[in-house]
Amino acid sequence: MKRVKFKVSVLLFPHPLDFVNAPQRTIFYPKKYSEAESNLNMTQSVFHLAIKQIPCLIPQTHPKPTLLTMPPPTLTITPKLLLSVFLVGALASAVVAQDCGCASDECCSKWGYCGTSPDHCGSGCQSGPCNRNDIQVADIVTPEFFNGIIDQSDGDCAGRSFYSRDAFLRALGSYQGFARLGSDDDSRREIAAFFAHATHETGSNCTFADFCYTEEIDGPSKDYCEEENTQFPCNPSKGYYGRGPLQLSWNFNYGPAGEQIGFDGLNSPETVANDPEISFKTALWFWTNNVQPVMDQGFGATTRAINGDLECDGSNSATVQRRADFYTEYCRQLGVAPGDNLTC
């Protein structure tokens, strides 16, 4: 299967005053240009397409990620504009862009801004007093649920002896916000969505999911090095192809994932396929940064967050539907309605 991920560099201005001194920030989850533009003009947008082969899709040839830039808009500074910015900033409580360096009584929103509103502390909240419920994920991801998936795999599947419920729950200890936002039903839907995508990504058969693969098929033959990325430079002797439940790929994902989780993602990317707990942690890292923020838009939005243009908008309707079928089945098992907007 092919996967497209978006890494977007944008300027975000939830508050007019932020336009003056807002730094450019890099986020590892989708942010549509049109959405940012609705707040204020975006000065630059960079899309990197990360492509991954997985089963059940006709092989395609894709170019390396290409840097696409948008020229900055022309802005004429007038006394009236400066006065308006000053007055709005003086009368309103500014939301300051930070990398989750908020005060103890503030939430860090899914976009990295501090505040106490439902938008800050609700879906996608990264840290602080987020509006988390009292759900115990282990009570929902029961041995029966997890084993019902992995027991479908063949005996020679690497994932059968690699992935386990215990490893998932140990990894979960570092991601307390997973499936903890909203109602009980919201939590169950998020769990169903996570396992639908994970088992689809690692499945060995087009008709059922089974946690079979730990690494991308033919991964070593693929080039997943974004050479222009100097923050997370590639080790030329390593491959950054898909590994783990969500098939983490590209150096710009291995680098920050390793930094947060505590392994050398750039020099030892194979750790993701050798350590079950770290493997699940990379999946939860990618999920909480890229996918969880769009859960409230329906399951179809989560597919778009993971596979983007390669599946959505008619690019591969069969795989979109397959993901949705897994999701609705897991929702049935967990006793929750799947909701609307199941495809993209």
C-alpha atoms as a PDB file:
ATOM      1  CA  MET A   1       0.000   0.000   0.000  1.00  0.00           C
ATOM      2  CA  LYS A   2       1.188   3.504  -0.650  1.00  0.00           C
ATOM      3  CA  ARG A   3       0.991   6.153   1.990  1.00  0.00           C
ATOM      4  CA  VAL A   4       1.144   9.916   1.789  1.00  0.00           C
ATOM      5  CA  LYS A   5       1.947  11.917   4.877  1.00  0.00           C
ATOM      6  CA  PHE A   6       2.061  15.655   5.051  1.00  0.00           C
ATOM      7  CA  LYS A   7       4.690  17.643   6.886  1.00  0.00           C
ATOM      8  CA  VAL A   8       3.596  21.247   6.763  1.00  0.00           C
ATOM      9  CA  SER A   9       5.583  24.340   7.642  1.00  0.00           C
ATOM     10  CA  VAL A  10       3.161  27.193   8.190  1.00  0.00           C
ATOM     11  CA  LEU A  11       2.595  30.413  10.026  1.00  0.00           C
ATOM     12  CA  LEU A  12      -0.515  30.158  12.180  1.00  0.00           C
ATOM     13  CA  PHE A  13      -2.178  33.238  13.648  1.00  0.00           C
ATOM     14  CA  PRO A  14      -5.138  32.391  15.901  1.00  0.00           C
ATOM     15  CA  HIS A  15      -4.877  35.906  17.301  1.00  0.00           C
ATOM     16  CA  PRO A  16      -4.290  39.060  15.190  1.00  0.00           C
ATOM     17  CA  LEU A  17      -1.467  40.250  17.433  1.00  0.00           C
ATOM     18  CA  ASP A  18       0.478  37.073  16.683  1.00  0.00           C
ATOM     19  CA  PHE A  19       0.996  38.320  13.123  1.00  0.00           C
ATOM     20  CA  VAL A  20       3.636  40.770  14.293  1.00  0.00           C
ATOM     21  CA  ASN A  21       6.119  38.447  15.989  1.00  0.00           C
ATOM     22  CA  ALA A  22       4.905  34.903  15.242  1.00  0.00           C
ATOM     23  CA  PRO A  23       7.813  32.578  14.406  1.00  0.00           C
ATOM     24  CA  GLN A  24       7.624  29.958  11.702  1.00  0.00           C
ATOM     25  CA  ARG A  25       6.839  26.583  13.239  1.00  0.00           C
ATOM     26  CA  THR A  26       6.988  23.084  11.855  1.00  0.00           C
ATOM     27  CA  ILE A  27       4.164  20.730  12.733  1.00  0.00           C
ATOM     28  CA  PHE A  28       3.941  17.051  11.911  1.00  0.00           C
ATOM     29  CA  TYR A  29       0.252  16.881  11.179  1.00  0.00           C
ATOM     30  CA  PRO A  30      -1.884  18.085   8.289  1.00  0.00           C
ATOM     31  CA  LYS A  31      -2.956  21.712   8.135  1.00  0.00           C
ATOM     32  CA  LYS A  32      -4.719  22.715   4.970  1.00  0.00           C
ATOM     33  CA  TYR A  33      -3.590  25.966   3.375  1.00  0.00           C
ATOM     34  CA  SER A  34      -7.205  27.093   3.039  1.00  0.00           C
ATOM     35  CA  GLU A  35      -7.782  26.559   6.769  1.00  0.00           C
ATOM     36  CA  ALA A  36      -4.781  28.605   7.816  1.00  0.00           C
ATOM     37  CA  GLU A  37      -5.673  31.238   5.255  1.00  0.00           C
ATOM     38  CA  SER A  38      -9.087  31.671   6.859  1.00  0.00           C
ATOM     39  CA  ASN A  39      -7.345  32.957   9.991  1.00  0.00           C
ATOM     40  CA  LEU A  40      -4.793  35.146   8.250  1.00  0.00           C
ATOM     41  CA  ASN A  41      -2.584  34.885   5.184  1.00  0.00           C
ATOM     42  CA  MET A  42      -0.096  32.051   5.301  1.00  0.00           C
ATOM     43  CA  THR A  43       3.320  33.232   4.169  1.00  0.00           C
ATOM     44  CA  GLN A  44       4.744  29.871   3.213  1.00  0.00           C
ATOM     45  CA  SER A  45       3.473  26.311   2.917  1.00  0.00           C
ATOM     46  CA  VAL A  46       5.698  23.316   2.366  1.00  0.00           C
ATOM     47  CA  PHE A  47       4.292  19.915   1.586  1.00  0.00           C
ATOM     48  CA  HIS A  48       6.401  16.780   1.699  1.00  0.00           C
ATOM     49  CA  LEU A  49       4.815  13.664   0.323  1.00  0.00           C
ATOM     50  CA  ALA A  50       5.904  10.550   2.167  1.00  0.00           C
ATOM     51  CA  ILE A  51       5.059   7.477   0.153  1.00  0.00           C
ATOM     52  CA  LYS A  52       4.977   3.939   1.483  1.00  0.00           C
ATOM     53  CA  GLN A  53       4.142   0.637  -0.173  1.00  0.00           C
ATOM     54  CA  ILE A  54       1.692  -1.639   1.601  1.00  0.00           C
ATOM     55  CA  PRO A  55      -0.325  -4.621   0.348  1.00  0.00           C
ATOM     56  CA  CYS A  56      -3.468  -4.573  -1.794  1.00  0.00           C
ATOM     57  CA  LEU A  57      -2.629  -1.645  -4.043  1.00  0.00           C
ATOM     58  CA  ILE A  58      -1.403  -1.658  -7.624  1.00  0.00           C
ATOM     59  CA  PRO A  59       2.282  -0.632  -7.531  1.00  0.00           C
ATOM     60  CA  GLN A  60       2.856   2.947  -8.542  1.00  0.00           C
ATOM     61  CA  THR A  61       5.927   5.026  -9.222  1.00  0.00           C
ATOM     62  CA  HIS A  62       6.263   8.175  -7.169  1.00  0.00           C
ATOM     63  CA  PRO A  63       8.944  10.868  -7.242  1.00  0.00           C
ATOM     64  CA  LYS A  64      10.957  11.832  -4.205  1.00  0.00           C
ATOM     65  CA  PRO A  65       9.351  14.488  -1.976  1.00  0.00           C
ATOM     66  CA  THR A  66       9.397  17.821  -3.710  1.00  0.00           C
ATOM     67  CA  LEU A  67       9.635  21.139  -1.922  1.00  0.00           C
ATOM     68  CA  LEU A  68       6.759  23.335  -3.021  1.00  0.00           C
ATOM     69  CA  THR A  69       6.717  26.907  -1.815  1.00  0.00           C
ATOM     70  CA  MET A  70       4.116  29.632  -1.973  1.00  0.00           C
ATOM     71  CA  PRO A  71       5.378  33.210  -2.340  1.00  0.00           C
ATOM     72  CA  PRO A  72       4.624  35.449   0.632  1.00  0.00           C
ATOM     73  CA  PRO A  73       1.649  37.776   0.205  1.00  0.00           C
ATOM     74  CA  THR A  74       2.206  41.475  -0.183  1.00  0.00           C
ATOM     75  CA  LEU A  75       1.301  43.390   2.960  1.00  0.00           C
ATOM     76  CA  THR A  76       1.115  47.153   3.155  1.00  0.00           C
ATOM     77  CA  ILE A  77       1.599  48.438   6.686  1.00  0.00           C
ATOM     78  CA  THR A  78      -0.495  51.503   7.360  1.00  0.00           C
ATOM     79  CA  PRO A  79      -1.061  53.482  10.568  1.00  0.00           C
ATOM     80  CA  LYS A  80      -4.664  52.241  10.567  1.00  0.00           C
ATOM     81  CA  LEU A  81      -3.522  48.613  10.385  1.00  0.00           C
ATOM     82  CA  LEU A  82      -1.000  49.078  13.184  1.00  0.00           C
ATOM     83  CA  LEU A  83      -3.606  50.761  15.356  1.00  0.00           C
ATOM     84  CA  SER A  84      -6.089  47.949  14.744  1.00  0.00           C
ATOM     85  CA  VAL A  85      -3.542  45.308  15.674  1.00  0.00           C
ATOM     86  CA  PHE A  86      -2.588  47.203  18.824  1.00  0.00           C
ATOM     87  CA  LEU A  87      -6.181  47.680  19.956  1.00  0.00           C
ATOM     88  CA  VAL A  88      -7.169  44.071  19.376  1.00  0.00           C
ATOM     89  CA  GLY A  89      -4.076  42.880  21.202  1.00  0.00           C
ATOM     90  CA  ALA A  90      -4.692  45.215  24.106  1.00  0.00           C
ATOM     91  CA  LEU A  91      -8.341  44.268  24.521  1.00  0.00           C
ATOM     92  CA  ALA A  92      -8.087  40.500  24.020  1.00  0.00           C
ATOM     93  CA  SER A  93      -6.181  37.756  25.767  1.00  0.00           C
ATOM     94  CA  ALA A  94      -3.469  36.784  23.340  1.00  0.00           C
ATOM     95  CA  VAL A  95      -2.807  33.158  22.497  1.00  0.00           C
ATOM     96  CA  VAL A  96       0.970  32.851  22.347  1.00  0.00           C
ATOM     97  CA  ALA A  97       2.608  30.355  20.011  1.00  0.00           C
ATOM     98  CA  GLN A  98       4.765  27.955  21.952  1.00  0.00           C
ATOM     99  CA  ASP A  99       6.104  24.447  21.695  1.00  0.00           C
ATOM    100  CA  CYS A 100       3.944  23.374  24.637  1.00  0.00           C
ATOM    101  CA  GLY A 101       5.681  25.723  27.069  1.00  0.00           C
ATOM    102  CA  CYS A 102       2.400  26.874  28.565  1.00  0.00           C
ATOM    103  CA  ALA A 103       1.698  27.946  32.122  1.00  0.00           C
ATOM    104  CA  SER A 104       0.615  25.157  34.458  1.00  0.00           C
ATOM    105  CA  ASP A 105      -3.043  26.213  34.293  1.00  0.00           C
ATOM    106  CA  GLU A 106      -3.121  26.419  30.482  1.00  0.00           C
ATOM    107  CA  CYS A 107      -3.577  23.770  27.833  1.00  0.00           C
ATOM    108  CA  CYS A 108      -1.332  23.378  24.819  1.00  0.00           C
ATOM    109  CA  SER A 109      -3.709  23.049  21.866  1.00  0.00           C
ATOM    110  CA  LYS A 110      -3.303  20.682  18.936  1.00  0.00           C
ATOM    111  CA  TRP A 111      -1.697  23.563  17.023  1.00  0.00           C
ATOM    112  CA  GLY A 112       0.755  24.391  19.825  1.00  0.00           C
ATOM    113  CA  TYR A 113      -0.945  27.440  21.339  1.00  0.00           C
ATOM    114  CA  CYS A 114      -1.677  28.115  25.001  1.00  0.00           C
ATOM    115  CA  GLY A 115      -5.085  28.861  26.487  1.00  0.00           C
ATOM    116  CA  THR A 116      -7.989  27.554  28.497  1.00  0.00           C
ATOM    117  CA  SER A 117     -10.842  27.468  25.979  1.00  0.00           C
ATOM    118  CA  PRO A 118     -12.475  24.237  24.763  1.00  0.00           C
ATOM    119  CA  ASP A 119     -10.497  24.610  21.536  1.00  0.00           C
ATOM    120  CA  HIS A 120      -7.269  24.525  23.545  1.00  0.00           C
ATOM    121  CA  CYS A 121      -8.179  21.842  26.074  1.00  0.00           C
ATOM    122  CA  GLY A 122     -10.397  19.638  23.910  1.00  0.00           C
ATOM    123  CA  SER A 123      -9.618  17.376  20.976  1.00  0.00           C
ATOM    124  CA  GLY A 124      -5.915  17.274  20.172  1.00  0.00           C
ATOM    125  CA  CYS A 125      -4.836  18.897  23.451  1.00  0.00           C
ATOM    126  CA  GLN A 126      -1.164  18.027  23.895  1.00  0.00           C
ATOM    127  CA  SER A 127      -0.468  18.940  27.519  1.00  0.00           C
ATOM    128  CA  GLY A 128      -1.782  20.777  30.542  1.00  0.00           C
ATOM    129  CA  PRO A 129      -5.252  20.402  32.084  1.00  0.00           C
ATOM    130  CA  CYS A 130      -6.752  18.781  28.982  1.00  0.00           C
ATOM    131  CA  ASN A 131     -10.387  17.733  29.145  1.00  0.00           C
ATOM    132  CA  ARG A 132      -9.656  14.038  29.598  1.00  0.00           C
ATOM    133  CA  ASN A 133     -12.217  11.529  30.698  1.00  0.00           C
ATOM    134  CA  ASP A 134     -11.816   8.673  33.172  1.00  0.00           C
ATOM    135  CA  ILE A 135     -11.812   5.911  30.570  1.00  0.00           C
ATOM    136  CA  GLN A 136      -9.359   3.063  31.131  1.00  0.00           C
ATOM    137  CA  VAL A 137      -8.159   2.021  27.673  1.00  0.00           C
ATOM    138  CA  ALA A 138      -7.139  -1.388  29.008  1.00  0.00           C
ATOM    139  CA  ASP A 139     -10.778  -2.078  29.873  1.00  0.00           C
ATOM    140  CA  ILE A 140     -11.747  -1.520  26.239  1.00  0.00           C
ATOM    141  CA  VAL A 141      -8.744  -3.102  24.521  1.00  0.00           C
ATOM    142  CA  THR A 142      -9.341  -6.420  26.235  1.00  0.00           C
ATOM    143  CA  PRO A 143      -7.318  -9.574  25.560  1.00  0.00           C
ATOM    144  CA  GLU A 144     -10.295 -10.871  23.594  1.00  0.00           C
ATOM    145  CA  PHE A 145     -10.360  -7.785  21.366  1.00  0.00           C
ATOM    146  CA  PHE A 146      -6.610  -7.663  20.715  1.00  0.00           C
ATOM    147  CA  ASN A 147      -6.120 -11.396  20.297  1.00  0.00           C
ATOM    148  CA  GLY A 148      -9.161 -11.581  18.044  1.00  0.00           C
ATOM    149  CA  ILE A 149      -7.148  -9.478  15.591  1.00  0.00           C
ATOM    150  CA  ILE A 150      -3.678 -10.962  15.856  1.00  0.00           C
ATOM    151  CA  ASP A 151      -4.902 -14.562  15.953  1.00  0.00           C
ATOM    152  CA  GLN A 152      -5.953 -14.176  12.320  1.00  0.00           C
ATOM    153  CA  SER A 153      -2.316 -13.971  11.219  1.00  0.00           C
ATOM    154  CA  ASP A 154      -0.430 -16.945   9.825  1.00  0.00           C
ATOM    155  CA  GLY A 155       2.134 -18.677  11.973  1.00  0.00           C
ATOM    156  CA  ASP A 156       5.003 -17.359   9.833  1.00  0.00           C
ATOM    157  CA  CYS A 157       3.970 -13.713  10.217  1.00  0.00           C
ATOM    158  CA  ALA A 158       6.688 -11.746  12.018  1.00  0.00           C
ATOM    159  CA  GLY A 159       4.082  -9.623  13.751  1.00  0.00           C
ATOM    160  CA  ARG A 160       2.347 -12.585  15.383  1.00  0.00           C
ATOM    161  CA  SER A 161       5.150 -13.001  17.927  1.00  0.00           C
ATOM    162  CA  PHE A 162       6.092  -9.308  17.962  1.00  0.00           C
ATOM    163  CA  TYR A 163       2.954  -7.249  18.594  1.00  0.00           C
ATOM    164  CA  SER A 164       1.164  -7.873  21.873  1.00  0.00           C
ATOM    165  CA  ARG A 165      -1.467  -6.280  24.056  1.00  0.00           C
ATOM    166  CA  ASP A 166       1.076  -5.974  26.878  1.00  0.00           C
ATOM    167  CA  ALA A 167       3.488  -4.022  24.649  1.00  0.00           C
ATOM    168  CA  PHE A 168       0.633  -1.746  23.545  1.00  0.00           C
ATOM    169  CA  LEU A 169      -0.404  -1.031  27.139  1.00  0.00           C
ATOM    170  CA  ARG A 170       3.193  -0.352  28.220  1.00  0.00           C
ATOM    171  CA  ALA A 171       3.581   2.101  25.361  1.00  0.00           C
ATOM    172  CA  LEU A 172       0.268   3.691  26.265  1.00  0.00           C
ATOM    173  CA  GLY A 173       1.735   4.790  29.586  1.00  0.00           C
ATOM    174  CA  SER A 174       3.636   7.529  27.740  1.00  0.00           C
ATOM    175  CA  TYR A 175       0.523   8.755  25.888  1.00  0.00           C
ATOM    176  CA  GLN A 176      -2.118   9.360  28.525  1.00  0.00           C
ATOM    177  CA  GLY A 177      -4.148  11.521  26.140  1.00  0.00           C
ATOM    178  CA  PHE A 178      -4.848   8.662  23.734  1.00  0.00           C
ATOM    179  CA  ALA A 179      -8.586   7.882  23.617  1.00  0.00           C
ATOM    180  CA  ARG A 180      -9.191  10.020  26.710  1.00  0.00           C
ATOM    181  CA  LEU A 181     -10.897  13.063  25.209  1.00  0.00           C
ATOM    182  CA  GLY A 182     -14.651  13.504  25.034  1.00  0.00           C
ATOM    183  CA  SER A 183     -17.254  10.938  25.962  1.00  0.00           C
ATOM    184  CA  ASP A 184     -17.041   7.189  26.488  1.00  0.00           C
ATOM    185  CA  ASP A 185     -18.264   6.731  22.920  1.00  0.00           C
ATOM    186  CA  ASP A 186     -15.584   9.128  21.620  1.00  0.00           C
ATOM    187  CA  SER A 187     -12.921   7.031  23.344  1.00  0.00           C
ATOM    188  CA  ARG A 188     -14.248   3.810  21.856  1.00  0.00           C
ATOM    189  CA  ARG A 189     -14.367   5.337  18.383  1.00  0.00           C
ATOM    190  CA  GLU A 190     -10.763   6.514  18.672  1.00  0.00           C
ATOM    191  CA  ILE A 191      -9.608   3.073  19.766  1.00  0.00           C
ATOM    192  CA  ALA A 192     -11.512   1.477  16.878  1.00  0.00           C
ATOM    193  CA  ALA A 193      -9.966   3.974  14.456  1.00  0.00           C
ATOM    194  CA  PHE A 194      -6.414   3.399  15.697  1.00  0.00           C
ATOM    195  CA  PHE A 195      -6.683  -0.373  15.388  1.00  0.00           C
ATOM    196  CA  ALA A 196      -8.427  -0.132  12.021  1.00  0.00           C
ATOM    197  CA  HIS A 197      -5.500   1.802  10.564  1.00  0.00           C
ATOM    198  CA  ALA A 198      -2.812  -0.191  12.373  1.00  0.00           C
ATOM    199  CA  THR A 199      -4.124  -3.567  11.318  1.00  0.00           C
ATOM    200  CA  HIS A 200      -4.753  -2.348   7.788  1.00  0.00           C
ATOM    201  CA  GLU A 201      -1.170  -1.062   7.566  1.00  0.00           C
ATOM    202  CA  THR A 202       0.285  -4.327   8.863  1.00  0.00           C
ATOM    203  CA  GLY A 203      -2.221  -6.785   7.385  1.00  0.00           C
ATOM    204  CA  SER A 204      -1.148  -9.613   5.098  1.00  0.00           C
ATOM    205  CA  ASN A 205      -4.504 -10.079   3.383  1.00  0.00           C
ATOM    206  CA  CYS A 206      -6.928  -7.783   1.615  1.00  0.00           C
ATOM    207  CA  THR A 207      -9.975  -9.236   3.358  1.00  0.00           C
ATOM    208  CA  PHE A 208      -8.942  -9.198   7.003  1.00  0.00           C
ATOM    209  CA  ALA A 209      -6.469  -7.442   9.300  1.00  0.00           C
ATOM    210  CA  ASP A 210      -3.980  -9.407  11.332  1.00  0.00           C
ATOM    211  CA  PHE A 211      -0.898  -7.463  12.526  1.00  0.00           C
ATOM    212  CA  CYS A 212       1.336  -9.561  10.256  1.00  0.00           C
ATOM    213  CA  TYR A 213       4.098  -7.201   9.131  1.00  0.00           C
ATOM    214  CA  THR A 214       6.628  -5.340  11.267  1.00  0.00           C
ATOM    215  CA  GLU A 215       8.429  -3.763   8.302  1.00  0.00           C
ATOM    216  CA  GLU A 216       7.426  -2.462   4.900  1.00  0.00           C
ATOM    217  CA  ILE A 217       7.499  -4.947   2.050  1.00  0.00           C
ATOM    218  CA  ASP A 218      10.653  -4.294  -0.015  1.00  0.00           C
ATOM    219  CA  GLY A 219      11.406  -1.390   2.299  1.00  0.00           C
ATOM    220  CA  PRO A 220      15.214  -1.537   1.994  1.00  0.00           C
ATOM    221  CA  SER A 221      14.908  -0.868  -1.737  1.00  0.00           C
ATOM    222  CA  LYS A 222      13.067   2.428  -1.126  1.00  0.00           C
ATOM    223  CA  ASP A 223      14.589   5.854  -0.586  1.00  0.00           C
ATOM    224  CA  TYR A 224      12.927   7.644   2.316  1.00  0.00           C
ATOM    225  CA  CYS A 225      15.626  10.241   2.958  1.00  0.00           C
ATOM    226  CA  GLU A 226      14.706  13.872   2.625  1.00  0.00           C
ATOM    227  CA  GLU A 227      18.214  15.141   2.025  1.00  0.00           C
ATOM    228  CA  GLU A 228      17.228  18.795   2.363  1.00  0.00           C
ATOM    229  CA  ASN A 229      16.242  18.234   5.987  1.00  0.00           C
ATOM    230  CA  THR A 230      19.218  19.419   8.029  1.00  0.00           C
ATOM    231  CA  GLN A 231      17.409  19.210  11.358  1.00  0.00           C
ATOM    232  CA  PHE A 232      17.070  15.437  11.043  1.00  0.00           C
ATOM    233  CA  PRO A 233      19.859  14.433   8.639  1.00  0.00           C
ATOM    234  CA  CYS A 234      19.897  10.933   7.223  1.00  0.00           C
ATOM    235  CA  ASN A 235      22.515   8.355   8.053  1.00  0.00           C
ATOM    236  CA  PRO A 236      23.461   7.088   4.564  1.00  0.00           C
ATOM    237  CA  SER A 237      23.808   3.532   5.853  1.00  0.00           C
ATOM    238  CA  LYS A 238      20.271   3.444   7.282  1.00  0.00           C
ATOM    239  CA  GLY A 239      16.826   3.091   5.747  1.00  0.00           C
ATOM    240  CA  TYR A 240      13.818   5.071   6.925  1.00  0.00           C
ATOM    241  CA  TYR A 241      11.142   2.865   5.382  1.00  0.00           C
ATOM    242  CA  GLY A 242       7.913   1.849   7.077  1.00  0.00           C
ATOM    243  CA  ARG A 243       8.105   0.048  10.412  1.00  0.00           C
ATOM    244  CA  GLY A 244       5.713  -0.628  13.262  1.00  0.00           C
ATOM    245  CA  PRO A 245       1.914  -0.553  13.599  1.00  0.00           C
ATOM    246  CA  LEU A 246       1.508   2.639  11.553  1.00  0.00           C
ATOM    247  CA  GLN A 247       4.617   2.004   9.429  1.00  0.00           C
ATOM    248  CA  LEU A 248       6.617   5.058  10.476  1.00  0.00           C
ATOM    249  CA  SER A 249       8.656   6.340   7.542  1.00  0.00           C
ATOM    250  CA  TRP A 250      11.016   9.166   6.485  1.00  0.00           C
ATOM    251  CA  ASN A 251      13.875  10.713   8.419  1.00  0.00           C
ATOM    252  CA  PHE A 252      11.760  13.725   9.404  1.00  0.00           C
ATOM    253  CA  ASN A 253       9.506  11.347  11.341  1.00  0.00           C
ATOM    254  CA  TYR A 254      12.136   8.965  12.714  1.00  0.00           C
ATOM    255  CA  GLY A 255      14.191  11.869  14.071  1.00  0.00           C
ATOM    256  CA  PRO A 256      11.576  13.626  16.226  1.00  0.00           C
ATOM    257  CA  ALA A 257       9.894  10.362  17.213  1.00  0.00           C
ATOM    258  CA  GLY A 258      13.198   9.077  18.525  1.00  0.00           C
ATOM    259  CA  GLU A 259      13.864  12.291  20.404  1.00  0.00           C
ATOM    260  CA  GLN A 260      10.531  12.183  22.187  1.00  0.00           C
ATOM    261  CA  ILE A 261      10.426   8.441  22.827  1.00  0.00           C
ATOM    262  CA  GLY A 262      14.073   7.976  23.744  1.00  0.00           C
ATOM    263  CA  PHE A 263      15.804   6.023  20.980  1.00  0.00           C
ATOM    264  CA  ASP A 264      18.159   6.999  18.172  1.00  0.00           C
ATOM    265  CA  GLY A 265      15.677   7.180  15.327  1.00  0.00           C
ATOM    266  CA  LEU A 266      18.191   8.417  12.768  1.00  0.00           C
ATOM    267  CA  ASN A 267      21.039   6.017  13.518  1.00  0.00           C
ATOM    268  CA  SER A 268      18.999   3.038  14.713  1.00  0.00           C
ATOM    269  CA  PRO A 269      15.650   3.156  12.888  1.00  0.00           C
ATOM    270  CA  GLU A 270      15.517  -0.643  12.969  1.00  0.00           C
ATOM    271  CA  THR A 271      14.684  -0.343  16.677  1.00  0.00           C
ATOM    272  CA  VAL A 272      11.066   0.262  15.641  1.00  0.00           C
ATOM    273  CA  ALA A 273      10.914  -3.250  14.199  1.00  0.00           C
ATOM    274  CA  ASN A 274      12.954  -4.853  17.000  1.00  0.00           C
ATOM    275  CA  ASP A 275      11.421  -3.445  20.189  1.00  0.00           C
ATOM    276  CA  PRO A 276       7.625  -4.009  20.494  1.00  0.00           C
ATOM    277  CA  GLU A 277       7.094  -1.271  23.077  1.00  0.00           C
ATOM    278  CA  ILE A 278       9.006   1.354  21.088  1.00  0.00           C
ATOM    279  CA  SER A 279       7.179   0.172  17.979  1.00  0.00           C
ATOM    280  CA  PHE A 280       3.805   0.935  19.550  1.00  0.00           C
ATOM    281  CA  LYS A 281       5.154   4.197  20.954  1.00  0.00           C
ATOM    282  CA  THR A 282       6.037   5.403  17.455  1.00  0.00           C
ATOM    283  CA  ALA A 283       2.506   4.598  16.322  1.00  0.00           C
ATOM    284  CA  LEU A 284       1.014   6.483  19.276  1.00  0.00           C
ATOM    285  CA  TRP A 285       3.437   9.374  18.715  1.00  0.00           C
ATOM    286  CA  PHE A 286       2.344   9.685  15.094  1.00  0.00           C
ATOM    287  CA  TRP A 287      -1.306   9.229  16.038  1.00  0.00           C
ATOM    288  CA  THR A 288      -1.445  11.861  18.769  1.00  0.00           C
ATOM    289  CA  ASN A 289       0.423  14.403  16.646  1.00  0.00           C
ATOM    290  CA  ASN A 290      -1.221  13.784  13.285  1.00  0.00           C
ATOM    291  CA  VAL A 291      -4.466  11.869  13.588  1.00  0.00           C
ATOM    292  CA  GLN A 292      -6.106  12.488  16.953  1.00  0.00           C
ATOM    293  CA  PRO A 293      -6.652  16.209  16.203  1.00  0.00           C
ATOM    294  CA  VAL A 294      -9.065  15.308  13.376  1.00  0.00           C
ATOM    295  CA  MET A 295     -11.013  12.543  15.132  1.00  0.00           C
ATOM    296  CA  ASP A 296     -13.957  14.882  15.652  1.00  0.00           C
ATOM    297  CA  GLN A 297     -14.299  15.181  11.847  1.00  0.00           C
ATOM    298  CA  GLY A 298     -15.115  11.507  11.343  1.00  0.00           C
ATOM    299  CA  PHE A 299     -13.115   8.433  10.420  1.00  0.00           C
ATOM    300  CA  GLY A 300     -12.629   9.627   6.847  1.00  0.00           C
ATOM    301  CA  ALA A 301     -10.543  12.530   8.127  1.00  0.00           C
ATOM    302  CA  THR A 302      -8.198  10.104   9.878  1.00  0.00           C
ATOM    303  CA  THR A 303      -7.638   8.252   6.610  1.00  0.00           C
ATOM    304  CA  ARG A 304      -6.802  11.557   4.952  1.00  0.00           C
ATOM    305  CA  ALA A 305      -4.362  12.362   7.759  1.00  0.00           C
ATOM    306  CA  ILE A 306      -2.517   9.079   7.209  1.00  0.00           C
ATOM    307  CA  ASN A 307      -2.717   8.483   3.455  1.00  0.00           C
ATOM    308  CA  GLY A 308      -3.710  11.800   1.958  1.00  0.00           C
ATOM    309  CA  ASP A 309      -3.850  12.047  -1.807  1.00  0.00           C
ATOM    310  CA  LEU A 310      -2.964   8.421  -2.481  1.00  0.00           C
ATOM    311  CA  GLU A 311      -6.315   7.184  -1.252  1.00  0.00           C
ATOM    312  CA  CYS A 312      -8.739  10.059  -0.799  1.00  0.00           C
ATOM    313  CA  ASP A 313     -10.817  11.908  -3.392  1.00  0.00           C
ATOM    314  CA  GLY A 314     -11.108   8.835  -5.594  1.00  0.00           C
ATOM    315  CA  SER A 315      -7.388   8.024  -5.740  1.00  0.00           C
ATOM    316  CA  ASN A 316      -7.985   4.563  -4.271  1.00  0.00           C
ATOM    317  CA  SER A 317     -11.555   4.086  -3.132  1.00  0.00           C
ATOM    318  CA  ALA A 318     -11.044   0.378  -2.440  1.00  0.00           C
ATOM    319  CA  THR A 319      -8.461   0.942   0.297  1.00  0.00           C
ATOM    320  CA  VAL A 320     -10.473   3.806   1.752  1.00  0.00           C
ATOM    321  CA  GLN A 321     -13.459   1.500   2.021  1.00  0.00           C
ATOM    322  CA  ARG A 322     -11.351  -1.320   3.448  1.00  0.00           C
ATOM    323  CA  ARG A 323     -10.166   0.924   6.278  1.00  0.00           C
ATOM    324  CA  ALA A 324     -13.746   2.029   6.906  1.00  0.00           C
ATOM    325  CA  ASP A 325     -14.916  -1.593   6.976  1.00  0.00           C
ATOM    326  CA  PHE A 326     -12.346  -2.475   9.628  1.00  0.00           C
ATOM    327  CA  TYR A 327     -13.354   0.593  11.607  1.00  0.00           C
ATOM    328  CA  THR A 328     -17.076  -0.187  11.553  1.00  0.00           C
ATOM    329  CA  GLU A 329     -16.365  -3.787  12.554  1.00  0.00           C
ATOM    330  CA  TYR A 330     -14.240  -2.704  15.502  1.00  0.00           C
ATOM    331  CA  CYS A 331     -16.898  -0.182  16.489  1.00  0.00           C
ATOM    332  CA  ARG A 332     -19.418  -3.022  16.469  1.00  0.00           C
ATOM    333  CA  GLN A 333     -17.157  -5.105  18.699  1.00  0.00           C
ATOM    334  CA  LEU A 334     -16.681  -2.178  21.081  1.00  0.00           C
ATOM    335  CA  GLY A 335     -20.393  -1.366  21.184  1.00  0.00           C
ATOM    336  CA  VAL A 336     -20.354   2.121  19.702  1.00  0.00           C
ATOM    337  CA  ALA A 337     -21.892   3.742  16.620  1.00  0.00           C
ATOM    338  CA  PRO A 338     -19.202   4.599  14.022  1.00  0.00           C
ATOM    339  CA  GLY A 339     -20.573   8.054  13.323  1.00  0.00           C
ATOM    340  CA  ASP A 340     -20.634   9.905  10.014  1.00  0.00           C
ATOM    341  CA  ASN A 341     -18.062  10.766   7.340  1.00  0.00           C
ATOM    342  CA  LEU A 342     -16.435   7.352   7.177  1.00  0.00           C
ATOM    343  CA  THR A 343     -14.603   7.858   3.871  1.00  0.00           C
ATOM    344  CA  CYS A 344     -12.608  10.604   2.232  1.00  0.00           C
END
